[in-house]
Amino acid sequence: KQYLPVAWEGAPPGGHHRKGLLRFKVIAPMHASMK
């Protein structure tokens, strides 16, 4: 099953270095793996 991100909290587009948090809603129940 595929899940889309709900938010990006970090550096905006542009530049040569970006860092931030890519957020997804919690997946329940817990699965064996994620990609």
PDB file of all heavy atoms in Angstrom:
ATOM      1  N   LYS A   1       0.841  -1.190   0.000  1.00  0.00           N
ATOM      2  CA  LYS A   1       0.000   0.000   0.000  1.00  0.00           C
ATOM      3  C   LYS A   1       0.880   1.245   0.000  1.00  0.00           C
ATOM      4  O   LYS A   1       1.866   1.310   0.728  1.00  0.00           O
ATOM      5  CB  LYS A   1      -0.927   0.008   1.219  1.00  0.00           C
ATOM      6  CG  LYS A   1      -1.946   1.116   1.174  1.00  0.00           C
ATOM      7  CD  LYS A   1      -2.982   0.973   2.267  1.00  0.00           C
ATOM      8  CE  LYS A   1      -3.961   2.144   2.175  1.00  0.00           C
ATOM      9  NZ  LYS A   1      -4.924   2.151   3.250  1.00  0.00           N
ATOM     10  N   GLN A   2       0.487   2.240  -0.817  1.00  0.00           N
ATOM     11  CA  GLN A   2       1.278   3.458  -0.937  1.00  0.00           C
ATOM     12  C   GLN A   2       0.675   4.589  -0.112  1.00  0.00           C
ATOM     13  O   GLN A   2      -0.544   4.734  -0.040  1.00  0.00           O
ATOM     14  CB  GLN A   2       1.380   3.883  -2.395  1.00  0.00           C
ATOM     15  CG  GLN A   2       2.163   2.901  -3.230  1.00  0.00           C
ATOM     16  CD  GLN A   2       2.392   3.406  -4.637  1.00  0.00           C
ATOM     17  OE1 GLN A   2       1.680   4.265  -5.128  1.00  0.00           O
ATOM     18  NE2 GLN A   2       3.413   2.872  -5.286  1.00  0.00           N
ATOM     19  N   TYR A   3       1.571   5.391   0.489  1.00  0.00           N
ATOM     20  CA  TYR A   3       1.185   6.532   1.312  1.00  0.00           C
ATOM     21  C   TYR A   3       1.940   7.757   0.808  1.00  0.00           C
ATOM     22  O   TYR A   3       3.147   7.693   0.577  1.00  0.00           O
ATOM     23  CB  TYR A   3       1.530   6.284   2.784  1.00  0.00           C
ATOM     24  CG  TYR A   3       0.897   5.032   3.334  1.00  0.00           C
ATOM     25  CD1 TYR A   3       1.521   3.791   3.208  1.00  0.00           C
ATOM     26  CD2 TYR A   3      -0.347   5.081   3.962  1.00  0.00           C
ATOM     27  CE1 TYR A   3       0.925   2.636   3.699  1.00  0.00           C
ATOM     28  CE2 TYR A   3      -0.944   3.933   4.456  1.00  0.00           C
ATOM     29  CZ  TYR A   3      -0.299   2.711   4.322  1.00  0.00           C
ATOM     30  OH  TYR A   3      -0.888   1.573   4.811  1.00  0.00           O
ATOM     31  N   LEU A   4       1.213   8.857   0.659  1.00  0.00           N
ATOM     32  CA  LEU A   4       1.825  10.100   0.204  1.00  0.00           C
ATOM     33  C   LEU A   4       2.222  10.962   1.397  1.00  0.00           C
ATOM     34  O   LEU A   4       1.579  10.901   2.449  1.00  0.00           O
ATOM     35  CB  LEU A   4       0.852  10.859  -0.694  1.00  0.00           C
ATOM     36  CG  LEU A   4       0.439  10.117  -1.971  1.00  0.00           C
ATOM     37  CD1 LEU A   4      -0.605  10.926  -2.739  1.00  0.00           C
ATOM     38  CD2 LEU A   4       1.640   9.812  -2.845  1.00  0.00           C
ATOM     39  N   PRO A   5       3.241  11.788   1.236  1.00  0.00           N
ATOM     40  CA  PRO A   5       3.653  12.665   2.337  1.00  0.00           C
ATOM     41  C   PRO A   5       2.559  13.667   2.667  1.00  0.00           C
ATOM     42  O   PRO A   5       1.784  14.075   1.796  1.00  0.00           O
ATOM     43  CB  PRO A   5       4.874  13.390   1.786  1.00  0.00           C
ATOM     44  CG  PRO A   5       5.239  12.730   0.518  1.00  0.00           C
ATOM     45  CD  PRO A   5       4.074  11.942   0.050  1.00  0.00           C
ATOM     46  N   VAL A   6       2.514  14.068   3.930  1.00  0.00           N
ATOM     47  CA  VAL A   6       1.565  15.102   4.347  1.00  0.00           C
ATOM     48  C   VAL A   6       2.241  16.464   4.469  1.00  0.00           C
ATOM     49  O   VAL A   6       1.558  17.484   4.474  1.00  0.00           O
ATOM     50  CB  VAL A   6       0.857  14.736   5.678  1.00  0.00           C
ATOM     51  CG1 VAL A   6      -0.024  13.519   5.484  1.00  0.00           C
ATOM     52  CG2 VAL A   6       1.840  14.528   6.806  1.00  0.00           C
ATOM     53  N   ALA A   7       3.571  16.482   4.547  1.00  0.00           N
ATOM     54  CA  ALA A   7       4.256  17.770   4.677  1.00  0.00           C
ATOM     55  C   ALA A   7       5.764  17.629   4.470  1.00  0.00           C
ATOM     56  O   ALA A   7       6.329  16.549   4.651  1.00  0.00           O
ATOM     57  CB  ALA A   7       4.006  18.364   6.065  1.00  0.00           C
ATOM     58  N   TRP A   8       6.374  18.735   4.105  1.00  0.00           N
ATOM     59  CA  TRP A   8       7.826  18.909   4.099  1.00  0.00           C
ATOM     60  C   TRP A   8       8.107  20.100   4.991  1.00  0.00           C
ATOM     61  O   TRP A   8       7.561  21.192   4.779  1.00  0.00           O
ATOM     62  CB  TRP A   8       8.337  19.168   2.686  1.00  0.00           C
ATOM     63  CG  TRP A   8       9.749  19.694   2.653  1.00  0.00           C
ATOM     64  CD1 TRP A   8      10.143  20.996   2.475  1.00  0.00           C
ATOM     65  CD2 TRP A   8      10.950  18.944   2.812  1.00  0.00           C
ATOM     66  NE1 TRP A   8      11.506  21.088   2.513  1.00  0.00           N
ATOM     67  CE2 TRP A   8      12.041  19.845   2.719  1.00  0.00           C
ATOM     68  CE3 TRP A   8      11.226  17.601   3.034  1.00  0.00           C
ATOM     69  CZ2 TRP A   8      13.365  19.450   2.828  1.00  0.00           C
ATOM     70  CZ3 TRP A   8      12.551  17.203   3.149  1.00  0.00           C
ATOM     71  CH2 TRP A   8      13.602  18.109   3.045  1.00  0.00           C
ATOM     72  N   GLU A   9       8.905  19.894   6.006  1.00  0.00           N
ATOM     73  CA  GLU A   9       9.299  20.985   6.893  1.00  0.00           C
ATOM     74  C   GLU A   9      10.808  21.122   6.828  1.00  0.00           C
ATOM     75  O   GLU A   9      11.529  20.327   7.432  1.00  0.00           O
ATOM     76  CB  GLU A   9       8.837  20.701   8.320  1.00  0.00           C
ATOM     77  CG  GLU A   9       7.329  20.709   8.455  1.00  0.00           C
ATOM     78  CD  GLU A   9       6.850  20.452   9.873  1.00  0.00           C
ATOM     79  OE1 GLU A   9       7.674  20.452  10.800  1.00  0.00           O
ATOM     80  OE2 GLU A   9       5.639  20.241  10.027  1.00  0.00           O
ATOM     81  N   GLY A  10      11.235  22.087   6.048  1.00  0.00           N
ATOM     82  CA  GLY A  10      12.663  22.266   5.893  1.00  0.00           C
ATOM     83  C   GLY A  10      12.970  23.318   4.857  1.00  0.00           C
ATOM     84  O   GLY A  10      12.129  24.168   4.537  1.00  0.00           O
ATOM     85  N   ALA A  11      14.168  23.247   4.313  1.00  0.00           N
ATOM     86  CA  ALA A  11      14.638  24.229   3.347  1.00  0.00           C
ATOM     87  C   ALA A  11      13.755  24.219   2.104  1.00  0.00           C
ATOM     88  O   ALA A  11      13.374  23.159   1.615  1.00  0.00           O
ATOM     89  CB  ALA A  11      16.084  23.930   2.971  1.00  0.00           C
ATOM     90  N   PRO A  12      13.424  25.400   1.588  1.00  0.00           N
ATOM     91  CA  PRO A  12      12.598  25.481   0.383  1.00  0.00           C
ATOM     92  C   PRO A  12      13.399  25.093  -0.854  1.00  0.00           C
ATOM     93  O   PRO A  12      14.628  24.986  -0.794  1.00  0.00           O
ATOM     94  CB  PRO A  12      12.199  26.964   0.344  1.00  0.00           C
ATOM     95  CG  PRO A  12      13.322  27.661   1.024  1.00  0.00           C
ATOM     96  CD  PRO A  12      13.794  26.709   2.095  1.00  0.00           C
ATOM     97  N   PRO A  13      12.710  24.899  -1.990  1.00  0.00           N
ATOM     98  CA  PRO A  13      13.420  24.574  -3.231  1.00  0.00           C
ATOM     99  C   PRO A  13      14.471  25.620  -3.564  1.00  0.00           C
ATOM    100  O   PRO A  13      14.309  26.808  -3.272  1.00  0.00           O
ATOM    101  CB  PRO A  13      12.306  24.554  -4.284  1.00  0.00           C
ATOM    102  CG  PRO A  13      11.068  24.242  -3.512  1.00  0.00           C
ATOM    103  CD  PRO A  13      11.265  24.908  -2.175  1.00  0.00           C
ATOM    104  N   GLY A  14      15.543  25.139  -4.190  1.00  0.00           N
ATOM    105  CA  GLY A  14      16.633  26.017  -4.610  1.00  0.00           C
ATOM    106  C   GLY A  14      17.899  25.738  -3.828  1.00  0.00           C
ATOM    107  O   GLY A  14      17.890  25.072  -2.807  1.00  0.00           O
ATOM    108  N   GLY A  15      18.982  26.227  -4.334  1.00  0.00           N
ATOM    109  CA  GLY A  15      20.266  26.059  -3.671  1.00  0.00           C
ATOM    110  C   GLY A  15      20.870  24.689  -3.911  1.00  0.00           C
ATOM    111  O   GLY A  15      20.315  23.849  -4.613  1.00  0.00           O
ATOM    112  N   HIS A  16      22.021  24.474  -3.303  1.00  0.00           N
ATOM    113  CA  HIS A  16      22.761  23.227  -3.492  1.00  0.00           C
ATOM    114  C   HIS A  16      22.717  22.309  -2.276  1.00  0.00           C
ATOM    115  O   HIS A  16      23.210  21.191  -2.327  1.00  0.00           O
ATOM    116  CB  HIS A  16      24.223  23.532  -3.843  1.00  0.00           C
ATOM    117  CG  HIS A  16      24.376  24.227  -5.150  1.00  0.00           C
ATOM    118  ND1 HIS A  16      24.411  23.560  -6.343  1.00  0.00           N
ATOM    119  CD2 HIS A  16      24.463  25.546  -5.455  1.00  0.00           C
ATOM    120  CE1 HIS A  16      24.538  24.418  -7.333  1.00  0.00           C
ATOM    121  NE2 HIS A  16      24.571  25.643  -6.823  1.00  0.00           N
ATOM    122  N   HIS A  17      22.162  22.786  -1.171  1.00  0.00           N
ATOM    123  CA  HIS A  17      22.058  21.992   0.055  1.00  0.00           C
ATOM    124  C   HIS A  17      20.676  22.225   0.655  1.00  0.00           C
ATOM    125  O   HIS A  17      20.299  23.369   0.904  1.00  0.00           O
ATOM    126  CB  HIS A  17      23.141  22.382   1.070  1.00  0.00           C
ATOM    127  CG  HIS A  17      24.525  22.223   0.540  1.00  0.00           C
ATOM    128  ND1 HIS A  17      25.165  21.010   0.520  1.00  0.00           N
ATOM    129  CD2 HIS A  17      25.380  23.109  -0.023  1.00  0.00           C
ATOM    130  CE1 HIS A  17      26.369  21.160  -0.020  1.00  0.00           C
ATOM    131  NE2 HIS A  17      26.513  22.431  -0.363  1.00  0.00           N
ATOM    132  N   ARG A  18      19.950  21.137   0.887  1.00  0.00           N
ATOM    133  CA  ARG A  18      18.624  21.242   1.520  1.00  0.00           C
ATOM    134  C   ARG A  18      18.512  20.150   2.574  1.00  0.00           C
ATOM    135  O   ARG A  18      19.014  19.049   2.401  1.00  0.00           O
ATOM    136  CB  ARG A  18      17.501  21.034   0.497  1.00  0.00           C
ATOM    137  CG  ARG A  18      17.398  22.144  -0.502  1.00  0.00           C
ATOM    138  CD  ARG A  18      16.330  21.879  -1.534  1.00  0.00           C
ATOM    139  NE  ARG A  18      15.006  21.834  -0.922  1.00  0.00           N
ATOM    140  CZ  ARG A  18      13.934  21.338  -1.542  1.00  0.00           C
ATOM    141  NH1 ARG A  18      14.018  20.858  -2.752  1.00  0.00           N
ATOM    142  NH2 ARG A  18      12.774  21.334  -0.929  1.00  0.00           N
ATOM    143  N   LYS A  19      17.818  20.484   3.647  1.00  0.00           N
ATOM    144  CA  LYS A  19      17.613  19.517   4.717  1.00  0.00           C
ATOM    145  C   LYS A  19      16.261  19.799   5.349  1.00  0.00           C
ATOM    146  O   LYS A  19      15.863  20.955   5.488  1.00  0.00           O
ATOM    147  CB  LYS A  19      18.710  19.631   5.768  1.00  0.00           C
ATOM    148  CG  LYS A  19      18.656  18.576   6.848  1.00  0.00           C
ATOM    149  CD  LYS A  19      19.859  18.700   7.764  1.00  0.00           C
ATOM    150  CE  LYS A  19      19.889  17.593   8.792  1.00  0.00           C
ATOM    151  NZ  LYS A  19      21.118  17.650   9.587  1.00  0.00           N
ATOM    152  N   GLY A  20      15.566  18.723   5.721  1.00  0.00           N
ATOM    153  CA  GLY A  20      14.281  18.904   6.378  1.00  0.00           C
ATOM    154  C   GLY A  20      13.646  17.580   6.727  1.00  0.00           C
ATOM    155  O   GLY A  20      14.256  16.517   6.566  1.00  0.00           O
ATOM    156  N   LEU A  21      12.402  17.666   7.207  1.00  0.00           N
ATOM    157  CA  LEU A  21      11.643  16.472   7.573  1.00  0.00           C
ATOM    158  C   LEU A  21      10.544  16.237   6.553  1.00  0.00           C
ATOM    159  O   LEU A  21       9.736  17.129   6.282  1.00  0.00           O
ATOM    160  CB  LEU A  21      11.023  16.629   8.959  1.00  0.00           C
ATOM    161  CG  LEU A  21      11.985  16.693  10.131  1.00  0.00           C
ATOM    162  CD1 LEU A  21      11.209  16.916  11.425  1.00  0.00           C
ATOM    163  CD2 LEU A  21      12.821  15.428  10.229  1.00  0.00           C
ATOM    164  N   LEU A  22      10.506  15.034   6.006  1.00  0.00           N
ATOM    165  CA  LEU A  22       9.431  14.595   5.136  1.00  0.00           C
ATOM    166  C   LEU A  22       8.492  13.799   6.021  1.00  0.00           C
ATOM    167  O   LEU A  22       8.902  12.810   6.631  1.00  0.00           O
ATOM    168  CB  LEU A  22       9.986  13.741   3.999  1.00  0.00           C
ATOM    169  CG  LEU A  22       9.020  13.340   2.900  1.00  0.00           C
ATOM    170  CD1 LEU A  22       8.424  14.563   2.208  1.00  0.00           C
ATOM    171  CD2 LEU A  22       9.734  12.453   1.890  1.00  0.00           C
ATOM    172  N   ARG A  23       7.233  14.255   6.127  1.00  0.00           N
ATOM    173  CA  ARG A  23       6.294  13.673   7.088  1.00  0.00           C
ATOM    174  C   ARG A  23       5.204  12.858   6.403  1.00  0.00           C
ATOM    175  O   ARG A  23       4.663  13.266   5.384  1.00  0.00           O
ATOM    176  CB  ARG A  23       5.653  14.766   7.923  1.00  0.00           C
ATOM    177  CG  ARG A  23       6.679  15.488   8.738  1.00  0.00           C
ATOM    178  CD  ARG A  23       6.096  16.454   9.705  1.00  0.00           C
ATOM    179  NE  ARG A  23       7.198  16.759  10.614  1.00  0.00           N
ATOM    180  CZ  ARG A  23       7.060  17.079  11.853  1.00  0.00           C
ATOM    181  NH1 ARG A  23       5.894  17.157  12.402  1.00  0.00           N
ATOM    182  NH2 ARG A  23       8.108  17.342  12.589  1.00  0.00           N
ATOM    183  N   PHE A  24       4.896  11.710   7.024  1.00  0.00           N
ATOM    184  CA  PHE A  24       3.812  10.829   6.600  1.00  0.00           C
ATOM    185  C   PHE A  24       2.939  10.550   7.811  1.00  0.00           C
ATOM    186  O   PHE A  24       3.439  10.499   8.934  1.00  0.00           O
ATOM    187  CB  PHE A  24       4.358   9.496   6.084  1.00  0.00           C
ATOM    188  CG  PHE A  24       5.143   9.613   4.811  1.00  0.00           C
ATOM    189  CD1 PHE A  24       6.480   9.976   4.826  1.00  0.00           C
ATOM    190  CD2 PHE A  24       4.545   9.342   3.588  1.00  0.00           C
ATOM    191  CE1 PHE A  24       7.204  10.079   3.655  1.00  0.00           C
ATOM    192  CE2 PHE A  24       5.268   9.445   2.415  1.00  0.00           C
ATOM    193  CZ  PHE A  24       6.594   9.808   2.439  1.00  0.00           C
ATOM    194  N   LYS A  25       1.647  10.329   7.584  1.00  0.00           N
ATOM    195  CA  LYS A  25       0.794   9.902   8.690  1.00  0.00           C
ATOM    196  C   LYS A  25       1.272   8.539   9.161  1.00  0.00           C
ATOM    197  O   LYS A  25       1.777   7.732   8.378  1.00  0.00           O
ATOM    198  CB  LYS A  25      -0.669   9.809   8.248  1.00  0.00           C
ATOM    199  CG  LYS A  25      -1.302  11.154   8.051  1.00  0.00           C
ATOM    200  CD  LYS A  25      -2.775  11.019   7.751  1.00  0.00           C
ATOM    201  CE  LYS A  25      -3.371  12.404   7.590  1.00  0.00           C
ATOM    202  NZ  LYS A  25      -4.790  12.351   7.262  1.00  0.00           N
ATOM    203  N   VAL A  26       1.109   8.280  10.447  1.00  0.00           N
ATOM    204  CA  VAL A  26       1.504   6.992  11.028  1.00  0.00           C
ATOM    205  C   VAL A  26       0.761   5.870  10.316  1.00  0.00           C
ATOM    206  O   VAL A  26      -0.442   5.972  10.056  1.00  0.00           O
ATOM    207  CB  VAL A  26       1.203   6.965  12.541  1.00  0.00           C
ATOM    208  CG1 VAL A  26       1.366   5.568  13.109  1.00  0.00           C
ATOM    209  CG2 VAL A  26       2.105   7.938  13.271  1.00  0.00           C
ATOM    210  N   ILE A  27       1.483   4.807  10.004  1.00  0.00           N
ATOM    211  CA  ILE A  27       0.881   3.638   9.370  1.00  0.00           C
ATOM    212  C   ILE A  27       0.565   2.629  10.462  1.00  0.00           C
ATOM    213  O   ILE A  27       1.453   2.199  11.191  1.00  0.00           O
ATOM    214  CB  ILE A  27       1.827   3.015   8.330  1.00  0.00           C
ATOM    215  CG1 ILE A  27       2.119   4.036   7.233  1.00  0.00           C
ATOM    216  CG2 ILE A  27       1.228   1.744   7.761  1.00  0.00           C
ATOM    217  CD1 ILE A  27       3.190   3.585   6.262  1.00  0.00           C
ATOM    218  N   ALA A  28      -0.694   2.283  10.573  1.00  0.00           N
ATOM    219  CA  ALA A  28      -1.109   1.293  11.576  1.00  0.00           C
ATOM    220  C   ALA A  28      -2.050   0.302  10.904  1.00  0.00           C
ATOM    221  O   ALA A  28      -2.855   0.694  10.070  1.00  0.00           O
ATOM    222  CB  ALA A  28      -1.806   1.983  12.740  1.00  0.00           C
ATOM    223  N   PRO A  29      -1.930  -0.967  11.234  1.00  0.00           N
ATOM    224  CA  PRO A  29      -0.978  -1.557  12.172  1.00  0.00           C
ATOM    225  C   PRO A  29       0.426  -1.583  11.574  1.00  0.00           C
ATOM    226  O   PRO A  29       0.605  -1.393  10.378  1.00  0.00           O
ATOM    227  CB  PRO A  29      -1.513  -2.979  12.367  1.00  0.00           C
ATOM    228  CG  PRO A  29      -2.207  -3.301  11.088  1.00  0.00           C
ATOM    229  CD  PRO A  29      -2.786  -1.984  10.610  1.00  0.00           C
ATOM    230  N   MET A  30       1.406  -1.833  12.422  1.00  0.00           N
ATOM    231  CA  MET A  30       2.803  -1.872  12.014  1.00  0.00           C
ATOM    232  C   MET A  30       3.027  -3.004  11.017  1.00  0.00           C
ATOM    233  O   MET A  30       2.519  -4.093  11.188  1.00  0.00           O
ATOM    234  CB  MET A  30       3.696  -2.077  13.245  1.00  0.00           C
ATOM    235  CG  MET A  30       5.169  -2.064  12.939  1.00  0.00           C
ATOM    236  SD  MET A  30       5.796  -0.492  12.356  1.00  0.00           S
ATOM    237  CE  MET A  30       5.694   0.455  13.855  1.00  0.00           C
ATOM    238  N   HIS A  31       3.772  -2.721   9.965  1.00  0.00           N
ATOM    239  CA  HIS A  31       4.083  -3.709   8.944  1.00  0.00           C
ATOM    240  C   HIS A  31       5.499  -4.238   9.140  1.00  0.00           C
ATOM    241  O   HIS A  31       6.264  -3.712   9.941  1.00  0.00           O
ATOM    242  CB  HIS A  31       3.931  -3.090   7.555  1.00  0.00           C
ATOM    243  CG  HIS A  31       2.527  -2.643   7.271  1.00  0.00           C
ATOM    244  ND1 HIS A  31       1.514  -3.516   6.999  1.00  0.00           N
ATOM    245  CD2 HIS A  31       1.976  -1.407   7.244  1.00  0.00           C
ATOM    246  CE1 HIS A  31       0.388  -2.850   6.793  1.00  0.00           C
ATOM    247  NE2 HIS A  31       0.651  -1.562   6.947  1.00  0.00           N
ATOM    248  N   ALA A  32       5.855  -5.260   8.386  1.00  0.00           N
ATOM    249  CA  ALA A  32       7.169  -5.882   8.524  1.00  0.00           C
ATOM    250  C   ALA A  32       8.287  -5.005   7.968  1.00  0.00           C
ATOM    251  O   ALA A  32       9.414  -5.044   8.450  1.00  0.00           O
ATOM    252  CB  ALA A  32       7.182  -7.239   7.836  1.00  0.00           C
ATOM    253  N   SER A  33       7.978  -4.210   6.949  1.00  0.00           N
ATOM    254  CA  SER A  33       9.005  -3.354   6.354  1.00  0.00           C
ATOM    255  C   SER A  33       8.338  -2.148   5.704  1.00  0.00           C
ATOM    256  O   SER A  33       7.116  -2.111   5.532  1.00  0.00           O
ATOM    257  CB  SER A  33       9.815  -4.124   5.307  1.00  0.00           C
ATOM    258  OG  SER A  33       8.985  -4.487   4.221  1.00  0.00           O
ATOM    259  N   MET A  34       9.160  -1.186   5.340  1.00  0.00           N
ATOM    260  CA  MET A  34       8.678  -0.014   4.623  1.00  0.00           C
ATOM    261  C   MET A  34       9.733   0.404   3.621  1.00  0.00           C
ATOM    262  O   MET A  34      10.926   0.171   3.809  1.00  0.00           O
ATOM    263  CB  MET A  34       8.380   1.131   5.577  1.00  0.00           C
ATOM    264  CG  MET A  34       9.580   1.673   6.274  1.00  0.00           C
ATOM    265  SD  MET A  34       9.153   3.019   7.373  1.00  0.00           S
ATOM    266  CE  MET A  34      10.692   3.179   8.265  1.00  0.00           C
ATOM    267  N   LYS A  35       9.263   1.017   2.544  1.00  0.00           N
ATOM    268  CA  LYS A  35      10.177   1.493   1.511  1.00  0.00           C
ATOM    269  C   LYS A  35       9.785   2.921   1.151  1.00  0.00           C
ATOM    270  O   LYS A  35       8.632   3.191   0.815  1.00  0.00           O
ATOM    271  CB  LYS A  35      10.105   0.625   0.269  1.00  0.00           C
ATOM    272  CG  LYS A  35      11.080   1.068  -0.805  1.00  0.00           C
ATOM    273  CD  LYS A  35      11.005   0.358  -2.159  1.00  0.00           C
ATOM    274  CE  LYS A  35      10.467  -1.018  -2.174  1.00  0.00           C
ATOM    275  NZ  LYS A  35      10.509  -1.641  -3.505  1.00  0.00           N
TER     276      LYS A  35
END
